[in-house]
Amino acid sequence: DKRHLVPFGEYVPFRQFLKLSKIVTGRMDFSPGIETISLKVPNAPKAIPTICYEGIFQLKNPELVANRQVGWLLNLTNDAWFGDSSGPYQHLEATRFRALEHGLPLVRVANTGLSAVIDPYGRTIVSSRLNEKTTIDSILPTKLAKGTIFSKYGNWTLVLLLLLFFSLLNFKTLKALVNRSNH
């Protein structure tokens, strides 16, 4: 189920207050999916699928990654509406962060090119060019055995880093004040 819908394309935010219509044809809004489930792929570890735009967001079920139940991420996307702009490149780069933050390889399949296999360190193993019709044949990189700090603690990682930063900043400030008062 797709859980992050594209505003004004798949739904109109605050429709009841704004008298706007969707950019794409069709009268009804889509409904977001309820849960992210792992995908069973023959002869491969389980994957977490993301559809298009939702690949740029944090995963909604981080426990699937934290306890290492899945072996890779799959992102299926239609970047045709970007045309020959920087959009597909930016979308690929934003999606790459999911691999890096969770220590999982990512396979990105784009109907207009910029398909790629990305390792758990965020490095591109192989990719297609924009608007290139091709097939990519690659070995799926293995996931990081223990995951990453982010895959274990999620957004708490940022909170802890900020606390550490401000503690060090406060310590340096106090040390400077003590040194100044001693002179």
Protein backbone atom coordinates (compact mmCIF):
# COMPACT_ATOMS: atom_id res chain seq x y z
CA ASP A 1 0.00 0.00 0.00
CA LYS A 2 1.26 3.46 -0.87
CA ARG A 3 1.27 5.48 2.33
CA HIS A 4 2.58 8.86 1.16
CA LEU A 5 0.34 10.32 -1.51
CA VAL A 6 1.41 13.11 -3.85
CA PRO A 7 -0.34 16.36 -2.88
CA PHE A 8 -2.54 17.78 -5.67
CA GLY A 9 -1.83 14.72 -7.84
CA GLU A 10 -3.25 11.88 -5.77
CA TYR A 11 -5.20 13.97 -3.28
CA VAL A 12 -5.98 17.60 -2.52
CA PRO A 13 -4.90 18.61 0.99
CA PHE A 14 -7.58 20.43 2.99
CA ARG A 15 -10.09 19.84 0.19
CA GLN A 16 -12.98 20.75 2.48
CA PHE A 17 -11.49 24.24 3.02
CA LEU A 18 -9.85 24.87 -0.35
CA LYS A 19 -11.95 24.78 -3.49
CA LEU A 20 -9.10 23.36 -5.57
CA SER A 21 -9.01 20.45 -7.94
CA LYS A 22 -6.33 17.85 -8.58
CA ILE A 23 -3.69 18.39 -11.23
CA VAL A 24 -4.36 14.97 -12.78
CA THR A 25 -7.66 13.75 -14.19
CA GLY A 26 -10.17 11.93 -12.06
CA ARG A 27 -12.62 13.22 -9.53
CA MET A 28 -11.74 11.14 -6.48
CA ASP A 29 -8.77 11.37 -4.16
CA PHE A 30 -6.75 8.26 -3.48
CA SER A 31 -6.60 6.96 0.08
CA PRO A 32 -3.26 6.28 1.75
CA GLY A 33 -2.42 2.69 2.55
CA ILE A 34 -2.67 1.43 6.09
CA GLU A 35 0.58 -0.46 6.53
CA THR A 36 3.88 -1.20 4.89
CA ILE A 37 4.51 -4.90 4.55
CA SER A 38 7.54 -6.79 3.38
CA LEU A 39 7.48 -8.16 -0.14
CA LYS A 40 8.45 -11.76 -0.84
CA VAL A 41 10.60 -12.00 -3.95
CA PRO A 42 11.58 -15.44 -5.33
CA ASN A 43 15.24 -16.31 -4.71
CA ALA A 44 15.87 -13.09 -2.80
CA PRO A 45 15.49 -11.77 0.74
CA LYS A 46 12.28 -9.96 1.66
CA ALA A 47 12.06 -6.34 0.53
CA ILE A 48 10.29 -3.19 1.64
CA PRO A 49 8.57 -1.68 -1.40
CA THR A 50 8.07 2.05 -1.81
CA ILE A 51 6.16 3.65 -4.65
CA CYS A 52 7.48 6.76 -6.38
CA TYR A 53 7.44 9.83 -4.14
CA GLU A 54 7.23 7.90 -0.86
CA GLY A 55 10.79 6.69 -1.41
CA ILE A 56 12.05 10.08 -0.20
CA PHE A 57 10.36 9.70 3.20
CA GLN A 58 11.39 7.75 6.28
CA LEU A 59 9.92 4.28 6.47
CA LYS A 60 6.60 4.00 8.30
CA ASN A 61 7.46 0.57 9.76
CA PRO A 62 11.02 1.00 11.02
CA GLU A 63 10.74 -2.17 13.10
CA LEU A 64 10.95 -4.23 9.88
CA VAL A 65 14.41 -2.74 9.40
CA ALA A 66 15.48 -2.52 13.05
CA ASN A 67 15.13 -6.25 13.62
CA ARG A 68 16.61 -6.95 10.17
CA GLN A 69 13.53 -8.83 8.83
CA VAL A 70 14.14 -7.47 5.34
CA GLY A 71 17.19 -7.58 3.11
CA TRP A 72 16.64 -4.68 0.72
CA LEU A 73 14.50 -1.76 -0.39
CA LEU A 74 12.60 -1.56 -3.68
CA ASN A 75 11.48 1.77 -5.13
CA LEU A 76 9.22 1.77 -8.21
CA THR A 77 8.78 5.20 -9.74
CA ASN A 78 7.40 7.15 -12.66
CA ASP A 79 9.55 10.24 -13.13
CA ALA A 80 8.15 11.04 -16.59
CA TRP A 81 6.40 14.15 -15.36
CA PHE A 82 9.80 15.69 -14.47
CA GLY A 83 10.77 15.66 -18.17
CA ASP A 84 14.41 16.34 -19.01
CA SER A 85 15.08 18.33 -15.86
CA SER A 86 17.09 17.87 -12.71
CA GLY A 87 14.00 16.35 -11.04
CA PRO A 88 14.78 12.66 -11.73
CA TYR A 89 18.34 13.14 -10.46
CA GLN A 90 17.14 14.84 -7.29
CA HIS A 91 14.54 12.11 -6.75
CA LEU A 92 17.23 9.42 -7.09
CA GLU A 93 19.52 11.23 -4.64
CA ALA A 94 16.75 11.68 -2.08
CA THR A 95 15.79 8.00 -2.38
CA ARG A 96 19.44 6.96 -1.96
CA PHE A 97 19.30 8.19 1.66
CA ARG A 98 16.94 5.34 2.58
CA ALA A 99 19.70 2.83 1.75
CA LEU A 100 22.29 4.79 3.68
CA GLU A 101 20.20 5.44 6.78
CA HIS A 102 19.09 1.80 7.12
CA GLY A 103 22.15 -0.07 5.85
CA LEU A 104 20.06 -1.82 3.20
CA PRO A 105 20.68 -2.08 -0.53
CA LEU A 106 18.17 -0.29 -2.74
CA VAL A 107 16.88 -1.24 -6.16
CA ARG A 108 15.21 1.69 -7.91
CA VAL A 109 13.15 0.99 -11.02
CA ALA A 110 12.18 4.08 -13.02
CA ASN A 111 10.14 3.92 -16.22
CA THR A 112 12.06 6.87 -17.67
CA GLY A 113 15.54 5.82 -16.72
CA LEU A 114 17.70 6.58 -13.72
CA SER A 115 17.06 3.09 -12.46
CA ALA A 116 19.83 2.00 -10.11
CA VAL A 117 21.19 -0.55 -7.69
CA ILE A 118 22.59 1.15 -4.59
CA ASP A 119 24.60 -0.60 -1.88
CA PRO A 120 23.92 -0.21 1.88
CA TYR A 121 26.58 2.53 2.05
CA GLY A 122 24.65 4.66 -0.46
CA ARG A 123 27.05 4.01 -3.34
CA THR A 124 25.61 3.43 -6.81
CA ILE A 125 26.66 0.00 -8.10
CA VAL A 126 25.03 0.36 -11.52
CA SER A 127 22.51 2.74 -13.04
CA SER A 128 20.81 3.61 -16.30
CA ARG A 129 20.79 7.01 -17.96
CA LEU A 130 17.77 9.28 -18.11
CA ASN A 131 15.29 8.15 -20.78
CA GLU A 132 17.42 5.10 -21.61
CA LYS A 133 15.49 1.92 -22.42
CA THR A 134 17.58 -0.86 -20.94
CA THR A 135 17.74 -3.74 -18.52
CA ILE A 136 20.03 -3.74 -15.51
CA ASP A 137 21.50 -7.08 -14.47
CA SER A 138 23.25 -6.86 -11.12
CA ILE A 139 23.93 -8.88 -8.03
CA LEU A 140 21.93 -7.56 -5.09
CA PRO A 141 24.38 -6.26 -2.47
CA THR A 142 23.96 -7.70 1.02
CA LYS A 143 22.60 -5.63 3.88
CA LEU A 144 24.73 -4.49 6.79
CA ALA A 145 24.50 -7.28 9.35
CA LYS A 146 23.88 -5.03 12.35
CA GLY A 147 22.15 -2.16 10.59
CA THR A 148 22.86 1.47 11.37
CA ILE A 149 22.36 3.63 14.43
CA PHE A 150 19.45 5.26 12.61
CA SER A 151 17.81 1.92 11.78
CA LYS A 152 17.93 1.02 15.47
CA TYR A 153 16.97 4.33 17.07
CA GLY A 154 15.25 6.29 14.29
CA ASN A 155 14.79 10.00 14.95
CA TRP A 156 16.20 9.59 18.46
CA THR A 157 19.59 9.49 16.71
CA LEU A 158 19.22 13.16 15.79
CA VAL A 159 18.02 14.08 19.28
CA LEU A 160 21.02 12.33 20.86
CA LEU A 161 23.45 14.00 18.43
CA LEU A 162 21.97 17.42 19.18
CA LEU A 163 22.23 16.78 22.93
CA LEU A 164 25.85 15.73 22.50
CA PHE A 165 26.60 18.80 20.37
CA PHE A 166 25.04 21.24 22.83
CA SER A 167 26.71 19.48 25.77
CA LEU A 168 30.11 19.88 24.11
CA LEU A 169 29.32 23.48 23.22
CA ASN A 170 28.25 24.17 26.81
CA PHE A 171 31.38 22.42 28.13
CA LYS A 172 33.65 24.53 25.90
CA THR A 173 31.84 27.70 26.98
CA LEU A 174 32.16 26.82 30.67
CA LYS A 175 35.81 25.91 30.23
CA ALA A 176 36.49 29.26 28.52
CA LEU A 177 34.73 31.12 31.36
CA VAL A 178 36.74 29.24 34.00
CA ASN A 179 40.00 29.92 32.14
CA ARG A 180 39.11 33.61 31.80
CA SER A 181 38.28 33.92 35.53
CA ASN A 182 41.58 32.23 36.49
CA HIS A 183 43.62 34.83 34.59
